[in-house]
Amino acid sequence: MSASTTTTTAPAVLTAKALLLDMDGTLVNSDAVVERCWRDWAVAHGLDPEEALKVVHGRQGYATMAILLPERPMELNYAENTVMLARETADTDGVVPIGGAAEFMAAIDGLPHALVTSADAALATARMTAAGLRMPEVRVTAESVKASKPDPEGFLMGAAELGVDPADCIVFEDSAAGIAAGLAAGMRVIGIGPRAAAHAPTAHVHDLTSIRVTTTEGGRIELTLTPPATPAPAPAPRP
């Protein structure tokens, strides 16, 4: 076998009664907007934008601000988060679907699923619309919860809304905070995209094109995950 030969890992198969879907980075690529807004915010507060961007993904804005400005009163974080949400909602330039998102959403239409996002309802609607994606009927948004991810409240609420035991739900997430929240809720987590790989999800795929959705005879949701081909290790030199 030559060093250029590739191998593939056998597809993984997971089953569940319900799916809980994060939005940003999982269904919608909004990185361009997030980085524009949070870079400006970081600079305005004398912070390193690159360091700020390491903690923004997956959390509600006020929670990110509390991490970056730990001595600041929380009331100021809530107030600035309202301004940030308005700006992000108005800015949809560069918002596009994650690869395979439209097909994935079509495949799970009619199956138990919910959106569980750190965005508020207005921002979620703006981004899903900009990406041309169907909005799930069951939604847990920022207004629905008292605690931001990585707290598991949102995912537990989504499971309760669907009437499904948390252990029988699968979470789709891209961020460290979101993956931690799903695991803390006692759920399996499929990590989506490059950010997810470093945070120990139950399984990981490049994007949603790598997931095939079917149902079992018993009515369970069956997910077949096909990771991309990876380079095989070069053979050891012969003595």
C-alpha atoms as a PDB file:
ATOM      1  CA  MET A   1       0.000   0.000   0.000  1.00  0.00           C
ATOM      2  CA  SER A   2       1.452   3.374  -0.955  1.00  0.00           C
ATOM      3  CA  ALA A   3       1.462   6.414   1.308  1.00  0.00           C
ATOM      4  CA  SER A   4      -1.123   8.134  -0.916  1.00  0.00           C
ATOM      5  CA  THR A   5      -3.723   5.375  -0.536  1.00  0.00           C
ATOM      6  CA  THR A   6      -6.837   6.343   1.451  1.00  0.00           C
ATOM      7  CA  THR A   7      -9.063   4.280   3.680  1.00  0.00           C
ATOM      8  CA  THR A   8     -12.555   4.908   4.995  1.00  0.00           C
ATOM      9  CA  THR A   9     -14.043   4.181   8.373  1.00  0.00           C
ATOM     10  CA  ALA A  10     -17.140   1.991   8.312  1.00  0.00           C
ATOM     11  CA  PRO A  11     -20.335   4.048   8.675  1.00  0.00           C
ATOM     12  CA  ALA A  12     -21.617   4.485  12.218  1.00  0.00           C
ATOM     13  CA  VAL A  13     -25.320   3.950  12.879  1.00  0.00           C
ATOM     14  CA  LEU A  14     -27.168   5.673  15.735  1.00  0.00           C
ATOM     15  CA  THR A  15     -30.871   5.449  16.536  1.00  0.00           C
ATOM     16  CA  ALA A  16     -33.089   7.739  18.595  1.00  0.00           C
ATOM     17  CA  LYS A  17     -36.672   8.811  19.136  1.00  0.00           C
ATOM     18  CA  ALA A  18     -35.960  12.538  18.670  1.00  0.00           C
ATOM     19  CA  LEU A  19     -33.331  14.948  17.345  1.00  0.00           C
ATOM     20  CA  LEU A  20     -32.345  18.257  18.944  1.00  0.00           C
ATOM     21  CA  LEU A  21     -30.683  20.693  16.556  1.00  0.00           C
ATOM     22  CA  ASP A  22     -28.452  23.641  17.280  1.00  0.00           C
ATOM     23  CA  MET A  23     -28.588  26.360  14.589  1.00  0.00           C
ATOM     24  CA  ASP A  24     -25.387  28.409  14.159  1.00  0.00           C
ATOM     25  CA  GLY A  25     -22.565  26.243  12.874  1.00  0.00           C
ATOM     26  CA  THR A  26     -24.848  23.211  12.721  1.00  0.00           C
ATOM     27  CA  LEU A  27     -27.616  24.122  10.259  1.00  0.00           C
ATOM     28  CA  VAL A  28     -26.537  27.652   9.338  1.00  0.00           C
ATOM     29  CA  ASN A  29     -23.066  29.042   8.683  1.00  0.00           C
ATOM     30  CA  SER A  30     -23.246  32.498  10.268  1.00  0.00           C
ATOM     31  CA  ASP A  31     -19.550  32.808  11.086  1.00  0.00           C
ATOM     32  CA  ALA A  32     -19.097  35.901   8.908  1.00  0.00           C
ATOM     33  CA  VAL A  33     -21.734  37.866  10.837  1.00  0.00           C
ATOM     34  CA  VAL A  34     -20.669  36.585  14.236  1.00  0.00           C
ATOM     35  CA  GLU A  35     -17.055  37.517  13.612  1.00  0.00           C
ATOM     36  CA  ARG A  36     -17.925  40.997  12.291  1.00  0.00           C
ATOM     37  CA  CYS A  37     -20.111  41.840  15.256  1.00  0.00           C
ATOM     38  CA  TRP A  38     -17.940  40.367  17.981  1.00  0.00           C
ATOM     39  CA  ARG A  39     -14.687  41.746  16.598  1.00  0.00           C
ATOM     40  CA  ASP A  40     -16.187  45.225  16.750  1.00  0.00           C
ATOM     41  CA  TRP A  41     -17.463  44.633  20.282  1.00  0.00           C
ATOM     42  CA  ALA A  42     -14.098  43.305  21.467  1.00  0.00           C
ATOM     43  CA  VAL A  43     -12.166  46.246  20.009  1.00  0.00           C
ATOM     44  CA  ALA A  44     -14.623  48.724  21.557  1.00  0.00           C
ATOM     45  CA  HIS A  45     -13.898  47.165  24.970  1.00  0.00           C
ATOM     46  CA  GLY A  46     -10.123  47.007  24.556  1.00  0.00           C
ATOM     47  CA  LEU A  47     -10.042  43.231  24.138  1.00  0.00           C
ATOM     48  CA  ASP A  48      -8.136  41.021  21.700  1.00  0.00           C
ATOM     49  CA  PRO A  49     -10.689  40.058  19.007  1.00  0.00           C
ATOM     50  CA  GLU A  50      -9.001  36.713  18.353  1.00  0.00           C
ATOM     51  CA  GLU A  51      -9.234  35.758  22.005  1.00  0.00           C
ATOM     52  CA  ALA A  52     -12.856  36.894  22.133  1.00  0.00           C
ATOM     53  CA  LEU A  53     -13.806  34.726  19.167  1.00  0.00           C
ATOM     54  CA  LYS A  54     -12.564  31.654  21.009  1.00  0.00           C
ATOM     55  CA  VAL A  55     -15.490  31.836  23.457  1.00  0.00           C
ATOM     56  CA  VAL A  56     -18.406  33.356  21.529  1.00  0.00           C
ATOM     57  CA  HIS A  57     -19.670  30.276  19.701  1.00  0.00           C
ATOM     58  CA  GLY A  58     -22.592  28.416  21.237  1.00  0.00           C
ATOM     59  CA  ARG A  59     -23.331  30.807  24.096  1.00  0.00           C
ATOM     60  CA  GLN A  60     -25.851  33.575  24.520  1.00  0.00           C
ATOM     61  CA  GLY A  61     -24.191  36.962  24.146  1.00  0.00           C
ATOM     62  CA  TYR A  62     -24.551  37.999  27.773  1.00  0.00           C
ATOM     63  CA  ALA A  63     -22.768  34.811  28.862  1.00  0.00           C
ATOM     64  CA  THR A  64     -19.894  35.505  26.466  1.00  0.00           C
ATOM     65  CA  MET A  65     -19.611  39.049  27.807  1.00  0.00           C
ATOM     66  CA  ALA A  66     -19.528  37.755  31.380  1.00  0.00           C
ATOM     67  CA  ILE A  67     -16.565  35.524  30.529  1.00  0.00           C
ATOM     68  CA  LEU A  68     -14.659  38.271  28.725  1.00  0.00           C
ATOM     69  CA  LEU A  69     -15.463  41.026  31.262  1.00  0.00           C
ATOM     70  CA  PRO A  70     -15.832  39.095  34.526  1.00  0.00           C
ATOM     71  CA  GLU A  71     -15.800  42.169  36.770  1.00  0.00           C
ATOM     72  CA  ARG A  72     -18.604  43.952  34.926  1.00  0.00           C
ATOM     73  CA  PRO A  73     -22.162  44.044  36.359  1.00  0.00           C
ATOM     74  CA  MET A  74     -24.413  41.519  34.631  1.00  0.00           C
ATOM     75  CA  GLU A  75     -27.003  44.231  33.987  1.00  0.00           C
ATOM     76  CA  LEU A  76     -24.618  45.814  31.485  1.00  0.00           C
ATOM     77  CA  ASN A  77     -24.132  42.480  29.765  1.00  0.00           C
ATOM     78  CA  TYR A  78     -27.874  42.025  29.368  1.00  0.00           C
ATOM     79  CA  ALA A  79     -28.231  45.557  28.001  1.00  0.00           C
ATOM     80  CA  GLU A  80     -25.385  45.194  25.498  1.00  0.00           C
ATOM     81  CA  ASN A  81     -26.621  41.765  24.457  1.00  0.00           C
ATOM     82  CA  THR A  82     -29.943  43.340  23.425  1.00  0.00           C
ATOM     83  CA  VAL A  83     -28.030  45.721  21.163  1.00  0.00           C
ATOM     84  CA  MET A  84     -25.880  42.882  19.816  1.00  0.00           C
ATOM     85  CA  LEU A  85     -28.920  40.738  19.011  1.00  0.00           C
ATOM     86  CA  ALA A  86     -30.517  43.588  17.084  1.00  0.00           C
ATOM     87  CA  ARG A  87     -27.349  44.085  15.032  1.00  0.00           C
ATOM     88  CA  GLU A  88     -26.941  40.388  14.313  1.00  0.00           C
ATOM     89  CA  THR A  89     -30.588  40.065  13.308  1.00  0.00           C
ATOM     90  CA  ALA A  90     -30.264  42.927  10.821  1.00  0.00           C
ATOM     91  CA  ASP A  91     -27.027  41.571   9.309  1.00  0.00           C
ATOM     92  CA  THR A  92     -27.544  38.437   7.225  1.00  0.00           C
ATOM     93  CA  ASP A  93     -24.757  39.085   4.719  1.00  0.00           C
ATOM     94  CA  GLY A  94     -22.872  35.834   4.265  1.00  0.00           C
ATOM     95  CA  VAL A  95     -25.400  33.661   6.105  1.00  0.00           C
ATOM     96  CA  VAL A  96     -25.614  30.366   4.186  1.00  0.00           C
ATOM     97  CA  PRO A  97     -26.731  26.809   4.951  1.00  0.00           C
ATOM     98  CA  ILE A  98     -24.256  24.237   6.222  1.00  0.00           C
ATOM     99  CA  GLY A  99     -23.564  21.621   3.572  1.00  0.00           C
ATOM    100  CA  GLY A 100     -26.478  19.193   3.301  1.00  0.00           C
ATOM    101  CA  ALA A 101     -28.718  21.194   5.662  1.00  0.00           C
ATOM    102  CA  ALA A 102     -31.658  21.590   3.264  1.00  0.00           C
ATOM    103  CA  GLU A 103     -31.689  17.899   2.402  1.00  0.00           C
ATOM    104  CA  PHE A 104     -31.315  16.928   6.056  1.00  0.00           C
ATOM    105  CA  MET A 105     -34.219  19.149   7.127  1.00  0.00           C
ATOM    106  CA  ALA A 106     -36.371  17.654   4.380  1.00  0.00           C
ATOM    107  CA  ALA A 107     -35.439  14.138   5.504  1.00  0.00           C
ATOM    108  CA  ILE A 108     -36.513  14.733   9.130  1.00  0.00           C
ATOM    109  CA  ASP A 109     -39.735  16.552   8.258  1.00  0.00           C
ATOM    110  CA  GLY A 110     -42.485  14.684  10.103  1.00  0.00           C
ATOM    111  CA  LEU A 111     -40.050  13.078  12.559  1.00  0.00           C
ATOM    112  CA  PRO A 112     -39.703  14.299  16.172  1.00  0.00           C
ATOM    113  CA  HIS A 113     -37.182  17.135  16.253  1.00  0.00           C
ATOM    114  CA  ALA A 114     -36.665  20.577  17.760  1.00  0.00           C
ATOM    115  CA  LEU A 115     -34.419  23.583  17.294  1.00  0.00           C
ATOM    116  CA  VAL A 116     -32.418  24.385  20.442  1.00  0.00           C
ATOM    117  CA  THR A 117     -30.468  27.593  19.875  1.00  0.00           C
ATOM    118  CA  SER A 118     -28.774  30.347  21.870  1.00  0.00           C
ATOM    119  CA  ALA A 119     -30.277  32.857  19.422  1.00  0.00           C
ATOM    120  CA  ASP A 120     -33.516  34.602  20.291  1.00  0.00           C
ATOM    121  CA  ALA A 121     -36.615  33.975  18.161  1.00  0.00           C
ATOM    122  CA  ALA A 122     -36.058  36.985  15.890  1.00  0.00           C
ATOM    123  CA  LEU A 123     -32.430  36.093  15.183  1.00  0.00           C
ATOM    124  CA  ALA A 124     -33.246  32.420  14.618  1.00  0.00           C
ATOM    125  CA  THR A 125     -35.982  33.337  12.153  1.00  0.00           C
ATOM    126  CA  ALA A 126     -33.719  35.788  10.304  1.00  0.00           C
ATOM    127  CA  ARG A 127     -30.872  33.308   9.923  1.00  0.00           C
ATOM    128  CA  MET A 128     -32.974  30.269   9.007  1.00  0.00           C
ATOM    129  CA  THR A 129     -34.804  32.394   6.432  1.00  0.00           C
ATOM    130  CA  ALA A 130     -31.562  33.811   5.009  1.00  0.00           C
ATOM    131  CA  ALA A 131     -30.208  30.278   4.663  1.00  0.00           C
ATOM    132  CA  GLY A 132     -33.421  29.092   2.998  1.00  0.00           C
ATOM    133  CA  LEU A 133     -34.137  26.484   5.661  1.00  0.00           C
ATOM    134  CA  ARG A 134     -37.427  25.317   7.131  1.00  0.00           C
ATOM    135  CA  MET A 135     -38.019  26.414  10.725  1.00  0.00           C
ATOM    136  CA  PRO A 136     -38.908  23.476  13.024  1.00  0.00           C
ATOM    137  CA  GLU A 137     -42.299  23.675  14.712  1.00  0.00           C
ATOM    138  CA  VAL A 138     -40.769  23.010  18.141  1.00  0.00           C
ATOM    139  CA  ARG A 139     -38.218  25.653  19.101  1.00  0.00           C
ATOM    140  CA  VAL A 140     -36.247  26.432  22.252  1.00  0.00           C
ATOM    141  CA  THR A 141     -34.714  29.895  21.871  1.00  0.00           C
ATOM    142  CA  ALA A 142     -32.926  32.309  24.188  1.00  0.00           C
ATOM    143  CA  GLU A 143     -36.210  33.606  25.594  1.00  0.00           C
ATOM    144  CA  SER A 144     -37.201  30.076  26.628  1.00  0.00           C
ATOM    145  CA  VAL A 145     -34.406  29.382  29.105  1.00  0.00           C
ATOM    146  CA  LYS A 146     -32.862  30.886  32.206  1.00  0.00           C
ATOM    147  CA  ALA A 147     -29.336  29.577  31.570  1.00  0.00           C
ATOM    148  CA  SER A 148     -27.163  29.620  28.466  1.00  0.00           C
ATOM    149  CA  LYS A 149     -25.289  26.646  27.080  1.00  0.00           C
ATOM    150  CA  PRO A 150     -23.162  24.892  28.376  1.00  0.00           C
ATOM    151  CA  ASP A 151     -26.022  24.518  30.858  1.00  0.00           C
ATOM    152  CA  PRO A 152     -28.204  21.588  29.659  1.00  0.00           C
ATOM    153  CA  GLU A 153     -31.509  23.406  30.312  1.00  0.00           C
ATOM    154  CA  GLY A 154     -32.279  24.085  26.658  1.00  0.00           C
ATOM    155  CA  PHE A 155     -31.783  20.510  25.521  1.00  0.00           C
ATOM    156  CA  LEU A 156     -33.734  19.113  28.467  1.00  0.00           C
ATOM    157  CA  MET A 157     -36.547  21.520  27.625  1.00  0.00           C
ATOM    158  CA  GLY A 158     -36.499  20.406  23.997  1.00  0.00           C
ATOM    159  CA  ALA A 159     -36.780  16.757  25.026  1.00  0.00           C
ATOM    160  CA  ALA A 160     -39.657  17.590  27.358  1.00  0.00           C
ATOM    161  CA  GLU A 161     -41.471  19.528  24.620  1.00  0.00           C
ATOM    162  CA  LEU A 162     -41.219  16.478  22.369  1.00  0.00           C
ATOM    163  CA  GLY A 163     -42.203  14.092  25.173  1.00  0.00           C
ATOM    164  CA  VAL A 164     -39.025  12.022  24.769  1.00  0.00           C
ATOM    165  CA  ASP A 165     -36.624  10.772  27.436  1.00  0.00           C
ATOM    166  CA  PRO A 166     -33.323  12.676  27.242  1.00  0.00           C
ATOM    167  CA  ALA A 167     -31.373   9.433  26.856  1.00  0.00           C
ATOM    168  CA  ASP A 168     -33.319   8.732  23.670  1.00  0.00           C
ATOM    169  CA  CYS A 169     -32.443  12.068  22.035  1.00  0.00           C
ATOM    170  CA  ILE A 170     -29.509  12.876  19.773  1.00  0.00           C
ATOM    171  CA  VAL A 171     -28.094  16.402  19.764  1.00  0.00           C
ATOM    172  CA  PHE A 172     -26.492  18.043  16.723  1.00  0.00           C
ATOM    173  CA  GLU A 173     -23.906  20.650  17.742  1.00  0.00           C
ATOM    174  CA  ASP A 174     -20.764  22.430  16.571  1.00  0.00           C
ATOM    175  CA  SER A 175     -19.437  24.318  19.618  1.00  0.00           C
ATOM    176  CA  ALA A 176     -17.674  23.397  22.845  1.00  0.00           C
ATOM    177  CA  ALA A 177     -20.486  24.938  24.901  1.00  0.00           C
ATOM    178  CA  GLY A 178     -23.191  23.150  22.942  1.00  0.00           C
ATOM    179  CA  ILE A 179     -21.487  19.756  23.026  1.00  0.00           C
ATOM    180  CA  ALA A 180     -20.953  20.097  26.777  1.00  0.00           C
ATOM    181  CA  ALA A 181     -24.628  21.002  27.212  1.00  0.00           C
ATOM    182  CA  GLY A 182     -25.839  17.998  25.247  1.00  0.00           C
ATOM    183  CA  LEU A 183     -23.603  15.570  27.109  1.00  0.00           C
ATOM    184  CA  ALA A 184     -24.605  17.111  30.456  1.00  0.00           C
ATOM    185  CA  ALA A 185     -28.245  16.491  29.501  1.00  0.00           C
ATOM    186  CA  GLY A 186     -27.439  12.778  29.210  1.00  0.00           C
ATOM    187  CA  MET A 187     -27.777  12.790  25.428  1.00  0.00           C
ATOM    188  CA  ARG A 188     -25.582  11.569  22.621  1.00  0.00           C
ATOM    189  CA  VAL A 189     -24.059  14.338  20.525  1.00  0.00           C
ATOM    190  CA  ILE A 190     -23.146  14.375  16.853  1.00  0.00           C
ATOM    191  CA  GLY A 191     -20.506  17.039  16.297  1.00  0.00           C
ATOM    192  CA  ILE A 192     -20.817  18.986  13.060  1.00  0.00           C
ATOM    193  CA  GLY A 193     -17.845  20.664  11.384  1.00  0.00           C
ATOM    194  CA  PRO A 194     -14.258  21.458  12.355  1.00  0.00           C
ATOM    195  CA  ARG A 195     -14.999  23.200  15.674  1.00  0.00           C
ATOM    196  CA  ALA A 196     -16.738  20.126  17.052  1.00  0.00           C
ATOM    197  CA  ALA A 197     -13.952  17.620  16.528  1.00  0.00           C
ATOM    198  CA  ALA A 198     -11.847  18.826  19.472  1.00  0.00           C
ATOM    199  CA  HIS A 199     -14.624  18.584  22.066  1.00  0.00           C
ATOM    200  CA  ALA A 200     -15.309  14.836  22.305  1.00  0.00           C
ATOM    201  CA  PRO A 201     -18.809  14.483  20.819  1.00  0.00           C
ATOM    202  CA  THR A 202     -20.236  10.977  20.605  1.00  0.00           C
ATOM    203  CA  ALA A 203     -19.605  11.023  16.852  1.00  0.00           C
ATOM    204  CA  HIS A 204     -18.308  13.594  14.386  1.00  0.00           C
ATOM    205  CA  VAL A 205     -18.970  14.440  10.721  1.00  0.00           C
ATOM    206  CA  HIS A 206     -17.676  17.126   8.371  1.00  0.00           C
ATOM    207  CA  ASP A 207     -21.184  18.405   7.587  1.00  0.00           C
ATOM    208  CA  LEU A 208     -24.748  17.178   7.115  1.00  0.00           C
ATOM    209  CA  THR A 209     -24.015  15.598   3.730  1.00  0.00           C
ATOM    210  CA  SER A 210     -22.416  12.776   5.721  1.00  0.00           C
ATOM    211  CA  ILE A 211     -25.675  11.800   7.446  1.00  0.00           C
ATOM    212  CA  ARG A 212     -28.388   9.603   5.940  1.00  0.00           C
ATOM    213  CA  VAL A 213     -31.771   9.556   7.702  1.00  0.00           C
ATOM    214  CA  THR A 214     -34.089   6.540   7.677  1.00  0.00           C
ATOM    215  CA  THR A 215     -36.559   5.006  10.122  1.00  0.00           C
ATOM    216  CA  THR A 216     -36.637   1.522  11.589  1.00  0.00           C
ATOM    217  CA  GLU A 217     -39.626  -0.810  11.537  1.00  0.00           C
ATOM    218  CA  GLY A 218     -40.276   0.244  15.119  1.00  0.00           C
ATOM    219  CA  GLY A 219     -40.471   3.902  14.117  1.00  0.00           C
ATOM    220  CA  ARG A 220     -37.128   4.985  15.523  1.00  0.00           C
ATOM    221  CA  ILE A 221     -34.961   7.501  13.687  1.00  0.00           C
ATOM    222  CA  GLU A 222     -31.876   5.837  12.223  1.00  0.00           C
ATOM    223  CA  LEU A 223     -28.835   7.956  11.357  1.00  0.00           C
ATOM    224  CA  THR A 224     -26.056   6.532   9.226  1.00  0.00           C
ATOM    225  CA  LEU A 225     -22.890   8.604   9.557  1.00  0.00           C
ATOM    226  CA  THR A 226     -20.245   8.324   6.885  1.00  0.00           C
ATOM    227  CA  PRO A 227     -17.043  10.176   7.745  1.00  0.00           C
ATOM    228  CA  PRO A 228     -14.877  11.420   4.864  1.00  0.00           C
ATOM    229  CA  ALA A 229     -11.962   9.347   3.651  1.00  0.00           C
ATOM    230  CA  THR A 230      -8.804   9.854   5.665  1.00  0.00           C
ATOM    231  CA  PRO A 231      -5.201   9.236   4.563  1.00  0.00           C
ATOM    232  CA  ALA A 232      -3.918   5.818   5.526  1.00  0.00           C
ATOM    233  CA  PRO A 233      -0.652   5.814   7.463  1.00  0.00           C
ATOM    234  CA  ALA A 234       2.448   5.241   5.405  1.00  0.00           C
ATOM    235  CA  PRO A 235       3.848   1.717   5.762  1.00  0.00           C
ATOM    236  CA  ALA A 236       6.810   1.349   8.042  1.00  0.00           C
ATOM    237  CA  PRO A 237      10.102   1.132   6.167  1.00  0.00           C
ATOM    238  CA  ARG A 238      11.459  -2.359   5.802  1.00  0.00           C
ATOM    239  CA  PRO A 239      14.579  -3.104   7.782  1.00  0.00           C
END
